[in-house]
């Protein structure tokens, strides 16, 4: 199959329902069916939505892949009767997600969000119009109406670290950019 960036514009992305736990097998089987049935010009890429999860057990760091949507794979394809047949009749596939018998493609924003979550696309860094040392007021959340001083900007996460004065002591807090306003 071709690189992801080139295939993104060739077809639409469709969500395919599968037997849970068989996502990897279906990805392999579907890729083989695409080869054997000569459908490379209509079915371009199959992805299993998963993200890396870091666990700490017994003091050891363990990185595992966690399924974002268990029981689903996402296929980039040009939908017609032949390509529908190849995907739909792959063993383990129970059907396309959509209303009735007509599959509905994902919107580009939806697939971009999934691909960013998987680490396949760069996350857009947020432009934060506030500087270190500025005073802010918290608008929402458990620290609503508290005031503080910005100590660190985290634009890639859309967050800031602030020291809030609570009970006469400076308390460091990490907040979403949307939760604050300049004073």
N, C-alpha and C. Protein backbone atom coordinates (compact mmCIF):
# COMPACT_ATOMS: atom_id res chain seq x y z
N UNK A 1 0.84 -1.19 0.00
CA UNK A 1 0.00 0.00 0.00
C UNK A 1 0.88 1.25 0.00
N UNK A 2 0.36 2.34 -0.48
CA UNK A 2 1.12 3.56 -0.67
C UNK A 2 1.22 4.37 0.61
N UNK A 3 2.16 5.32 0.66
CA UNK A 3 2.28 6.18 1.85
C UNK A 3 1.00 6.94 2.13
N UNK A 4 0.76 7.21 3.39
CA UNK A 4 -0.50 7.80 3.85
C UNK A 4 -0.78 9.17 3.26
N UNK A 5 0.23 10.03 3.14
CA UNK A 5 -0.02 11.38 2.67
C UNK A 5 -0.53 11.42 1.23
N UNK A 6 -0.01 10.51 0.38
CA UNK A 6 -0.45 10.50 -1.01
C UNK A 6 -1.86 9.95 -1.14
N UNK A 7 -2.21 8.95 -0.33
CA UNK A 7 -3.50 8.30 -0.46
C UNK A 7 -4.63 9.12 0.13
N UNK A 8 -4.31 10.06 0.96
CA UNK A 8 -5.34 10.82 1.66
C UNK A 8 -6.32 11.48 0.70
N UNK A 9 -5.85 11.92 -0.44
CA UNK A 9 -6.71 12.64 -1.37
C UNK A 9 -7.33 11.74 -2.44
N UNK A 10 -6.93 10.45 -2.48
CA UNK A 10 -7.40 9.57 -3.54
C UNK A 10 -8.81 9.05 -3.32
N UNK A 11 -9.21 8.87 -2.11
CA UNK A 11 -10.54 8.31 -1.85
C UNK A 11 -11.10 8.88 -0.57
N UNK A 12 -12.21 8.31 -0.14
CA UNK A 12 -12.79 8.71 1.14
C UNK A 12 -12.45 7.65 2.18
N UNK A 13 -12.58 8.04 3.44
CA UNK A 13 -12.32 7.14 4.55
C UNK A 13 -13.65 6.59 5.06
N UNK A 14 -13.73 5.28 5.16
CA UNK A 14 -14.93 4.61 5.64
C UNK A 14 -14.60 3.78 6.87
N UNK A 15 -15.53 3.73 7.80
CA UNK A 15 -15.36 2.94 9.01
C UNK A 15 -16.00 1.58 8.77
N UNK A 16 -15.24 0.53 9.07
CA UNK A 16 -15.70 -0.84 8.86
C UNK A 16 -15.79 -1.53 10.21
N UNK A 17 -16.95 -2.13 10.50
CA UNK A 17 -17.15 -2.85 11.75
C UNK A 17 -16.62 -4.27 11.60
N UNK A 18 -15.88 -4.73 12.62
CA UNK A 18 -15.28 -6.06 12.57
C UNK A 18 -15.55 -6.79 13.88
N UNK A 19 -15.19 -8.07 13.89
CA UNK A 19 -15.22 -8.80 15.15
C UNK A 19 -14.13 -8.21 16.03
N UNK A 20 -14.48 -7.92 17.29
CA UNK A 20 -13.52 -7.32 18.21
C UNK A 20 -12.36 -8.29 18.44
N UNK A 21 -11.15 -7.76 18.39
CA UNK A 21 -9.96 -8.58 18.58
C UNK A 21 -9.39 -9.11 17.28
N UNK A 22 -10.10 -8.94 16.18
CA UNK A 22 -9.64 -9.45 14.89
C UNK A 22 -9.17 -8.33 13.96
N UNK A 23 -8.98 -7.14 14.49
CA UNK A 23 -8.63 -5.99 13.65
C UNK A 23 -7.34 -6.22 12.86
N UNK A 24 -6.29 -6.75 13.52
CA UNK A 24 -5.02 -6.99 12.82
C UNK A 24 -5.18 -8.03 11.72
N UNK A 25 -5.90 -9.10 12.01
CA UNK A 25 -6.12 -10.17 11.03
C UNK A 25 -6.89 -9.62 9.83
N UNK A 26 -7.89 -8.79 10.10
CA UNK A 26 -8.68 -8.22 9.01
C UNK A 26 -7.83 -7.28 8.16
N UNK A 27 -6.95 -6.51 8.80
CA UNK A 27 -6.07 -5.62 8.04
C UNK A 27 -5.19 -6.43 7.09
N UNK A 28 -4.62 -7.52 7.59
CA UNK A 28 -3.76 -8.37 6.76
C UNK A 28 -4.59 -9.05 5.66
N UNK A 29 -5.73 -9.64 6.04
CA UNK A 29 -6.58 -10.33 5.05
C UNK A 29 -7.08 -9.38 3.97
N UNK A 30 -7.49 -8.19 4.37
CA UNK A 30 -7.99 -7.22 3.39
C UNK A 30 -6.88 -6.79 2.44
N UNK A 31 -5.68 -6.59 2.98
CA UNK A 31 -4.54 -6.23 2.13
C UNK A 31 -4.26 -7.33 1.11
N UNK A 32 -4.34 -8.59 1.54
CA UNK A 32 -4.13 -9.72 0.62
C UNK A 32 -5.23 -9.77 -0.44
N UNK A 33 -6.48 -9.53 -0.03
CA UNK A 33 -7.60 -9.55 -0.99
C UNK A 33 -7.46 -8.43 -2.02
N UNK A 34 -7.00 -7.26 -1.58
CA UNK A 34 -6.80 -6.14 -2.49
C UNK A 34 -5.76 -6.53 -3.54
N UNK A 35 -4.66 -7.19 -3.10
CA UNK A 35 -3.62 -7.66 -4.03
C UNK A 35 -4.19 -8.69 -5.00
N UNK A 36 -4.80 -9.73 -4.44
CA UNK A 36 -5.23 -10.86 -5.27
C UNK A 36 -6.37 -10.49 -6.22
N UNK A 37 -7.21 -9.55 -5.83
CA UNK A 37 -8.34 -9.16 -6.67
C UNK A 37 -8.03 -7.91 -7.51
N UNK A 38 -6.76 -7.47 -7.44
CA UNK A 38 -6.28 -6.35 -8.24
C UNK A 38 -7.11 -5.07 -8.01
N UNK A 39 -7.28 -4.70 -6.74
CA UNK A 39 -8.10 -3.53 -6.38
C UNK A 39 -7.25 -2.37 -5.84
N UNK A 40 -5.93 -2.36 -6.12
CA UNK A 40 -5.05 -1.31 -5.60
C UNK A 40 -5.45 0.08 -6.08
N UNK A 41 -6.18 0.15 -7.20
CA UNK A 41 -6.59 1.45 -7.72
C UNK A 41 -7.86 1.97 -7.06
N UNK A 42 -8.49 1.15 -6.18
CA UNK A 42 -9.72 1.58 -5.51
C UNK A 42 -9.64 1.51 -3.98
N UNK A 43 -8.81 0.61 -3.45
CA UNK A 43 -8.64 0.47 -2.00
C UNK A 43 -7.18 0.75 -1.70
N UNK A 44 -6.94 1.84 -0.93
CA UNK A 44 -5.58 2.35 -0.80
C UNK A 44 -4.91 2.04 0.53
N UNK A 45 -5.64 2.16 1.62
CA UNK A 45 -5.00 2.03 2.93
C UNK A 45 -6.01 1.54 3.95
N UNK A 46 -5.52 0.70 4.88
CA UNK A 46 -6.33 0.21 5.98
C UNK A 46 -5.58 0.57 7.26
N UNK A 47 -6.25 1.28 8.18
CA UNK A 47 -5.61 1.59 9.45
C UNK A 47 -6.47 1.10 10.60
N UNK A 48 -5.77 0.70 11.65
CA UNK A 48 -6.43 0.31 12.90
C UNK A 48 -6.21 1.48 13.86
N UNK A 49 -7.26 2.17 14.26
CA UNK A 49 -7.08 3.32 15.15
C UNK A 49 -6.59 2.88 16.53
N UNK A 50 -5.32 3.17 16.82
CA UNK A 50 -4.74 2.86 18.13
C UNK A 50 -3.72 3.91 18.49
N UNK A 51 -3.48 4.04 19.79
CA UNK A 51 -2.51 5.00 20.28
C UNK A 51 -1.62 4.31 21.30
N UNK A 52 -0.43 4.87 21.52
CA UNK A 52 0.48 4.28 22.49
C UNK A 52 0.10 4.73 23.89
N UNK A 53 0.12 3.77 24.82
CA UNK A 53 -0.22 4.05 26.20
C UNK A 53 0.98 3.63 27.06
N UNK A 54 1.38 4.50 27.96
CA UNK A 54 2.52 4.21 28.83
C UNK A 54 1.99 3.81 30.20
N UNK A 55 2.44 2.63 30.66
CA UNK A 55 2.06 2.14 31.98
C UNK A 55 3.31 1.96 32.82
N UNK A 56 3.16 2.12 34.12
CA UNK A 56 4.26 1.84 35.04
C UNK A 56 3.80 0.74 35.98
N UNK A 57 4.44 -0.43 35.84
CA UNK A 57 4.11 -1.56 36.72
C UNK A 57 5.39 -2.04 37.37
N UNK A 58 5.34 -2.21 38.67
CA UNK A 58 6.51 -2.65 39.45
C UNK A 58 7.74 -1.81 39.15
N UNK A 59 7.54 -0.52 38.97
CA UNK A 59 8.64 0.40 38.73
C UNK A 59 9.20 0.36 37.32
N UNK A 60 8.60 -0.42 36.43
CA UNK A 60 9.08 -0.53 35.05
C UNK A 60 8.10 0.15 34.10
N UNK A 61 8.67 0.82 33.11
CA UNK A 61 7.87 1.53 32.12
C UNK A 61 7.52 0.55 31.00
N UNK A 62 6.24 0.48 30.66
CA UNK A 62 5.77 -0.42 29.61
C UNK A 62 4.91 0.38 28.64
N UNK A 63 5.27 0.32 27.34
CA UNK A 63 4.51 1.01 26.31
C UNK A 63 3.69 -0.03 25.54
N UNK A 64 2.36 0.19 25.50
CA UNK A 64 1.49 -0.73 24.77
C UNK A 64 0.63 0.06 23.79
N UNK A 65 0.18 -0.62 22.76
CA UNK A 65 -0.76 -0.01 21.82
C UNK A 65 -2.17 -0.30 22.29
N UNK A 66 -2.96 0.75 22.42
CA UNK A 66 -4.34 0.62 22.89
C UNK A 66 -5.26 1.02 21.75
N UNK A 67 -6.26 0.21 21.48
CA UNK A 67 -7.22 0.49 20.42
C UNK A 67 -8.08 1.69 20.83
N UNK A 68 -8.20 2.65 19.93
CA UNK A 68 -9.06 3.81 20.17
C UNK A 68 -10.51 3.40 19.98
N UNK A 69 -10.79 2.62 18.92
CA UNK A 69 -12.13 2.14 18.62
C UNK A 69 -12.08 0.62 18.43
N UNK A 70 -12.13 -0.16 19.51
CA UNK A 70 -12.07 -1.61 19.35
C UNK A 70 -13.22 -2.10 18.47
N UNK A 71 -12.91 -3.04 17.57
CA UNK A 71 -13.93 -3.60 16.69
C UNK A 71 -14.14 -2.81 15.41
N UNK A 72 -13.24 -1.86 15.12
CA UNK A 72 -13.37 -1.06 13.90
C UNK A 72 -12.02 -0.89 13.23
N UNK A 73 -12.03 -0.87 11.90
CA UNK A 73 -10.87 -0.46 11.11
C UNK A 73 -11.35 0.64 10.17
N UNK A 74 -10.42 1.43 9.69
CA UNK A 74 -10.78 2.53 8.80
C UNK A 74 -10.08 2.29 7.46
N UNK A 75 -10.85 2.38 6.39
CA UNK A 75 -10.35 2.06 5.06
C UNK A 75 -10.45 3.29 4.16
N UNK A 76 -9.34 3.62 3.48
CA UNK A 76 -9.32 4.69 2.49
C UNK A 76 -9.57 4.04 1.14
N UNK A 77 -10.69 4.41 0.51
CA UNK A 77 -11.07 3.74 -0.74
C UNK A 77 -12.00 4.60 -1.58
N UNK A 78 -12.10 4.24 -2.84
CA UNK A 78 -13.11 4.81 -3.72
C UNK A 78 -14.27 3.83 -3.70
N UNK A 79 -15.43 4.29 -3.24
CA UNK A 79 -16.58 3.40 -3.05
C UNK A 79 -17.29 3.15 -4.37
N UNK A 80 -17.37 1.89 -4.74
CA UNK A 80 -18.23 1.43 -5.83
C UNK A 80 -18.63 -0.01 -5.50
N UNK A 81 -19.39 -0.64 -6.35
CA UNK A 81 -19.89 -1.99 -6.05
C UNK A 81 -18.75 -2.99 -5.86
N UNK A 82 -17.70 -2.90 -6.69
CA UNK A 82 -16.58 -3.85 -6.59
C UNK A 82 -15.79 -3.67 -5.30
N UNK A 83 -15.42 -2.42 -4.98
CA UNK A 83 -14.64 -2.19 -3.77
C UNK A 83 -15.47 -2.50 -2.53
N UNK A 84 -16.75 -2.17 -2.56
CA UNK A 84 -17.65 -2.51 -1.44
C UNK A 84 -17.65 -4.02 -1.23
N UNK A 85 -17.76 -4.78 -2.32
CA UNK A 85 -17.80 -6.24 -2.24
C UNK A 85 -16.51 -6.79 -1.63
N UNK A 86 -15.36 -6.30 -2.06
CA UNK A 86 -14.08 -6.79 -1.56
C UNK A 86 -13.97 -6.58 -0.05
N UNK A 87 -14.31 -5.39 0.42
CA UNK A 87 -14.22 -5.10 1.85
C UNK A 87 -15.29 -5.85 2.62
N UNK A 88 -16.52 -5.78 2.17
CA UNK A 88 -17.65 -6.36 2.90
C UNK A 88 -17.55 -7.88 3.04
N UNK A 89 -16.96 -8.55 2.06
CA UNK A 89 -16.88 -10.01 2.09
C UNK A 89 -15.52 -10.51 2.55
N UNK A 90 -14.74 -9.66 3.21
CA UNK A 90 -13.52 -10.11 3.87
C UNK A 90 -13.94 -10.82 5.15
N UNK A 91 -13.43 -12.03 5.41
CA UNK A 91 -13.82 -12.75 6.63
C UNK A 91 -13.54 -11.91 7.88
N UNK A 92 -14.54 -11.82 8.76
CA UNK A 92 -14.41 -11.05 10.00
C UNK A 92 -15.03 -9.67 9.93
N UNK A 93 -15.31 -9.19 8.72
CA UNK A 93 -15.96 -7.89 8.55
C UNK A 93 -17.46 -8.09 8.67
N UNK A 94 -18.10 -7.29 9.56
CA UNK A 94 -19.55 -7.42 9.73
C UNK A 94 -20.32 -6.35 8.98
N UNK A 95 -19.63 -5.32 8.49
CA UNK A 95 -20.31 -4.31 7.70
C UNK A 95 -19.66 -2.95 7.79
N UNK A 96 -20.17 -2.04 7.00
CA UNK A 96 -19.74 -0.64 7.03
C UNK A 96 -20.59 0.12 8.03
N UNK A 97 -20.04 1.19 8.58
CA UNK A 97 -20.81 2.08 9.43
C UNK A 97 -21.52 3.08 8.53
N UNK A 98 -22.83 3.20 8.70
CA UNK A 98 -23.61 4.12 7.89
C UNK A 98 -25.08 3.80 8.07
N UNK A 99 -25.92 4.63 7.50
CA UNK A 99 -27.35 4.42 7.64
C UNK A 99 -27.83 3.47 6.55
N UNK A 100 -28.50 2.43 6.94
CA UNK A 100 -29.03 1.48 5.97
C UNK A 100 -27.92 0.74 5.26
N UNK A 101 -28.04 0.60 3.96
CA UNK A 101 -27.05 -0.16 3.20
C UNK A 101 -25.98 0.75 2.57
N UNK A 102 -26.11 2.06 2.75
CA UNK A 102 -25.16 2.98 2.12
C UNK A 102 -24.11 3.46 3.15
N UNK A 103 -22.84 3.07 2.94
CA UNK A 103 -21.79 3.55 3.85
C UNK A 103 -21.61 5.06 3.76
N UNK A 104 -21.31 5.68 4.88
CA UNK A 104 -21.11 7.13 4.93
C UNK A 104 -19.63 7.39 5.22
N UNK A 105 -18.95 8.17 4.35
CA UNK A 105 -17.52 8.45 4.59
C UNK A 105 -17.34 9.41 5.76
N UNK A 106 -16.16 9.32 6.39
CA UNK A 106 -15.81 10.26 7.45
C UNK A 106 -15.51 11.63 6.85
N UNK A 107 -15.77 12.69 7.62
CA UNK A 107 -15.38 14.03 7.20
C UNK A 107 -13.86 14.14 7.37
N UNK A 108 -13.23 15.00 6.60
CA UNK A 108 -11.78 15.14 6.67
C UNK A 108 -11.31 15.53 8.07
N UNK A 109 -12.09 16.37 8.78
CA UNK A 109 -11.71 16.78 10.13
C UNK A 109 -11.69 15.57 11.06
N UNK A 110 -12.64 14.63 10.88
CA UNK A 110 -12.71 13.44 11.73
C UNK A 110 -11.50 12.54 11.51
N UNK A 111 -11.14 12.29 10.27
CA UNK A 111 -9.99 11.42 10.01
C UNK A 111 -8.70 12.11 10.43
N UNK A 112 -8.60 13.42 10.26
CA UNK A 112 -7.41 14.15 10.71
C UNK A 112 -7.26 14.04 12.22
N UNK A 113 -8.36 14.14 12.96
CA UNK A 113 -8.31 14.04 14.42
C UNK A 113 -7.85 12.64 14.83
N UNK A 114 -8.37 11.61 14.19
CA UNK A 114 -7.98 10.23 14.51
C UNK A 114 -6.51 10.02 14.18
N UNK A 115 -6.06 10.51 13.03
CA UNK A 115 -4.67 10.32 12.63
C UNK A 115 -3.72 11.10 13.55
N UNK A 116 -4.13 12.28 14.02
CA UNK A 116 -3.31 13.02 14.98
C UNK A 116 -3.22 12.25 16.30
N UNK A 117 -4.35 11.70 16.74
CA UNK A 117 -4.38 10.94 17.99
C UNK A 117 -3.47 9.71 17.89
N UNK A 118 -3.39 9.13 16.70
CA UNK A 118 -2.52 7.97 16.47
C UNK A 118 -1.07 8.36 16.30
N UNK A 119 -0.79 9.65 16.12
CA UNK A 119 0.58 10.09 15.91
C UNK A 119 1.00 10.04 14.46
N UNK A 120 0.05 9.85 13.52
CA UNK A 120 0.36 9.79 12.09
C UNK A 120 0.44 11.17 11.47
N UNK A 121 -0.09 12.17 12.17
CA UNK A 121 -0.04 13.54 11.67
C UNK A 121 0.49 14.42 12.80
N UNK A 122 1.15 15.49 12.42
CA UNK A 122 1.63 16.45 13.41
C UNK A 122 0.46 17.16 14.06
N UNK A 123 0.54 17.31 15.36
CA UNK A 123 -0.48 18.10 16.05
C UNK A 123 -0.19 19.57 15.80
N UNK A 124 -1.24 20.32 15.58
CA UNK A 124 -1.07 21.75 15.38
C UNK A 124 -0.79 22.40 16.72
N UNK A 125 0.28 23.19 16.77
CA UNK A 125 0.57 23.88 18.01
C UNK A 125 -0.34 25.11 18.10
N UNK A 126 -0.81 25.35 19.30
CA UNK A 126 -1.73 26.45 19.52
C UNK A 126 -0.94 27.74 19.73
N UNK A 127 -1.42 28.81 19.17
CA UNK A 127 -0.78 30.10 19.37
C UNK A 127 -1.44 30.74 20.59
N UNK A 128 -0.63 30.96 21.61
CA UNK A 128 -1.14 31.49 22.87
C UNK A 128 -0.65 32.93 23.01
N UNK A 129 -1.59 33.86 23.09
CA UNK A 129 -1.23 35.27 23.14
C UNK A 129 -1.10 35.77 24.58
N UNK A 130 -0.25 35.09 25.32
CA UNK A 130 0.01 35.46 26.70
C UNK A 130 1.49 35.18 26.96
N UNK A 131 2.07 35.89 27.88
CA UNK A 131 3.50 35.73 28.12
C UNK A 131 3.77 35.31 29.56
N UNK A 132 4.93 34.72 29.76
CA UNK A 132 5.36 34.32 31.09
C UNK A 132 5.48 35.57 31.96
N UNK A 133 4.94 35.47 33.18
CA UNK A 133 4.98 36.60 34.11
C UNK A 133 3.71 37.42 34.12
N UNK A 134 2.82 37.20 33.14
CA UNK A 134 1.55 37.95 33.09
C UNK A 134 0.57 37.42 34.13
N UNK A 135 -0.31 38.28 34.58
CA UNK A 135 -1.35 37.89 35.54
C UNK A 135 -2.60 37.47 34.78
N UNK A 136 -3.24 36.40 35.29
CA UNK A 136 -4.45 35.88 34.66
C UNK A 136 -5.50 35.60 35.73
N UNK A 137 -6.74 35.41 35.26
CA UNK A 137 -7.83 34.99 36.13
C UNK A 137 -8.39 33.70 35.52
N UNK A 138 -8.68 32.72 36.37
CA UNK A 138 -9.25 31.46 35.91
C UNK A 138 -10.75 31.64 35.76
N UNK A 139 -11.29 31.29 34.55
CA UNK A 139 -12.71 31.49 34.27
C UNK A 139 -13.56 30.28 34.65
N UNK A 140 -13.03 29.07 34.45
CA UNK A 140 -13.83 27.86 34.68
C UNK A 140 -13.03 26.81 35.43
N UNK A 141 -13.73 25.79 35.88
CA UNK A 141 -13.08 24.68 36.56
C UNK A 141 -13.00 24.87 38.06
N UNK A 142 -12.29 23.99 38.74
CA UNK A 142 -12.23 24.04 40.20
C UNK A 142 -11.52 25.28 40.74
N UNK A 143 -10.72 25.94 39.91
CA UNK A 143 -10.00 27.14 40.35
C UNK A 143 -10.63 28.42 39.83
N UNK A 144 -11.90 28.36 39.44
CA UNK A 144 -12.60 29.52 38.89
C UNK A 144 -12.50 30.70 39.85
N UNK A 145 -12.28 31.89 39.28
CA UNK A 145 -12.16 33.16 39.99
C UNK A 145 -10.85 33.34 40.76
N UNK A 146 -9.96 32.35 40.73
CA UNK A 146 -8.64 32.54 41.33
C UNK A 146 -7.78 33.32 40.34
N UNK A 147 -6.81 34.05 40.87
CA UNK A 147 -5.87 34.78 40.04
C UNK A 147 -4.50 34.16 40.21
N UNK A 148 -3.68 34.30 39.16
CA UNK A 148 -2.35 33.72 39.23
C UNK A 148 -1.40 34.36 38.25
N UNK A 149 -0.17 33.86 38.26
CA UNK A 149 0.88 34.37 37.39
C UNK A 149 1.37 33.23 36.49
N UNK A 150 1.47 33.50 35.19
CA UNK A 150 1.90 32.50 34.22
C UNK A 150 3.37 32.17 34.45
N UNK A 151 3.69 30.87 34.58
CA UNK A 151 5.06 30.42 34.80
C UNK A 151 5.63 29.66 33.60
N UNK A 152 4.74 29.02 32.78
CA UNK A 152 5.22 28.24 31.64
C UNK A 152 4.13 28.13 30.59
N UNK A 153 4.51 28.19 29.31
CA UNK A 153 3.58 28.02 28.21
C UNK A 153 3.80 26.65 27.58
N UNK A 154 2.71 25.94 27.29
CA UNK A 154 2.78 24.62 26.65
C UNK A 154 1.89 24.65 25.40
N UNK A 155 2.32 25.36 24.33
CA UNK A 155 1.45 25.56 23.16
C UNK A 155 1.09 24.27 22.44
N UNK A 156 1.97 23.24 22.46
CA UNK A 156 1.66 21.99 21.77
C UNK A 156 0.51 21.25 22.45
N UNK A 157 0.28 21.51 23.73
CA UNK A 157 -0.83 20.91 24.46
C UNK A 157 -2.02 21.85 24.59
N UNK A 158 -1.81 23.14 24.30
CA UNK A 158 -2.87 24.12 24.49
C UNK A 158 -3.09 24.44 25.96
N UNK A 159 -2.00 24.33 26.75
CA UNK A 159 -2.09 24.54 28.20
C UNK A 159 -1.03 25.54 28.66
N UNK A 160 -1.24 26.02 29.88
CA UNK A 160 -0.24 26.86 30.54
C UNK A 160 -0.10 26.40 31.98
N UNK A 161 1.07 26.69 32.55
CA UNK A 161 1.28 26.42 33.98
C UNK A 161 1.26 27.76 34.70
N UNK A 162 0.50 27.80 35.76
CA UNK A 162 0.25 29.03 36.49
C UNK A 162 0.50 28.79 37.97
N UNK A 163 1.01 29.80 38.67
CA UNK A 163 1.08 29.75 40.12
C UNK A 163 -0.11 30.53 40.66
N UNK A 164 -0.98 29.83 41.38
CA UNK A 164 -2.17 30.45 41.96
C UNK A 164 -1.94 30.57 43.46
N UNK A 165 -2.35 31.71 44.01
CA UNK A 165 -2.21 31.93 45.44
C UNK A 165 -3.42 31.34 46.17
N UNK A 166 -3.17 30.26 46.94
CA UNK A 166 -4.23 29.62 47.71
C UNK A 166 -3.79 29.51 49.16
N UNK A 167 -4.60 29.99 50.06
CA UNK A 167 -4.32 29.91 51.49
C UNK A 167 -2.96 30.51 51.83
N UNK A 168 -2.60 31.58 51.12
CA UNK A 168 -1.35 32.27 51.39
C UNK A 168 -0.13 31.59 50.81
N UNK A 169 -0.33 30.55 49.99
CA UNK A 169 0.82 29.84 49.40
C UNK A 169 0.67 29.80 47.88
N UNK A 170 1.78 29.80 47.18
CA UNK A 170 1.79 29.67 45.73
C UNK A 170 1.61 28.19 45.38
N UNK A 171 0.60 27.89 44.56
CA UNK A 171 0.31 26.52 44.16
C UNK A 171 0.40 26.42 42.63
N UNK A 172 1.29 25.54 42.12
CA UNK A 172 1.39 25.40 40.66
C UNK A 172 0.20 24.60 40.11
N UNK A 173 -0.40 25.09 39.01
CA UNK A 173 -1.58 24.47 38.41
C UNK A 173 -1.40 24.49 36.89
N UNK A 174 -1.80 23.38 36.23
CA UNK A 174 -1.78 23.34 34.75
C UNK A 174 -3.21 23.52 34.27
N UNK A 175 -3.43 24.51 33.40
CA UNK A 175 -4.77 24.85 32.93
C UNK A 175 -4.83 24.86 31.41
N UNK A 176 -6.02 24.58 30.87
CA UNK A 176 -6.25 24.74 29.44
C UNK A 176 -6.29 26.23 29.14
N UNK A 177 -5.83 26.60 27.95
CA UNK A 177 -5.81 27.99 27.56
C UNK A 177 -7.20 28.61 27.58
N UNK A 178 -8.22 27.80 27.25
CA UNK A 178 -9.60 28.30 27.23
C UNK A 178 -10.13 28.63 28.63
N UNK A 179 -9.45 28.14 29.68
CA UNK A 179 -9.95 28.34 31.04
C UNK A 179 -9.53 29.68 31.63
N UNK A 180 -8.68 30.42 30.95
CA UNK A 180 -8.13 31.62 31.56
C UNK A 180 -8.44 32.88 30.76
N UNK A 181 -8.26 34.02 31.43
CA UNK A 181 -8.34 35.32 30.75
C UNK A 181 -7.30 36.23 31.35
N UNK A 182 -6.77 37.14 30.53
CA UNK A 182 -5.78 38.11 31.01
C UNK A 182 -6.47 39.09 31.94
N UNK A 183 -5.69 39.59 32.88
CA UNK A 183 -6.21 40.63 33.79
C UNK A 183 -5.74 41.97 33.26
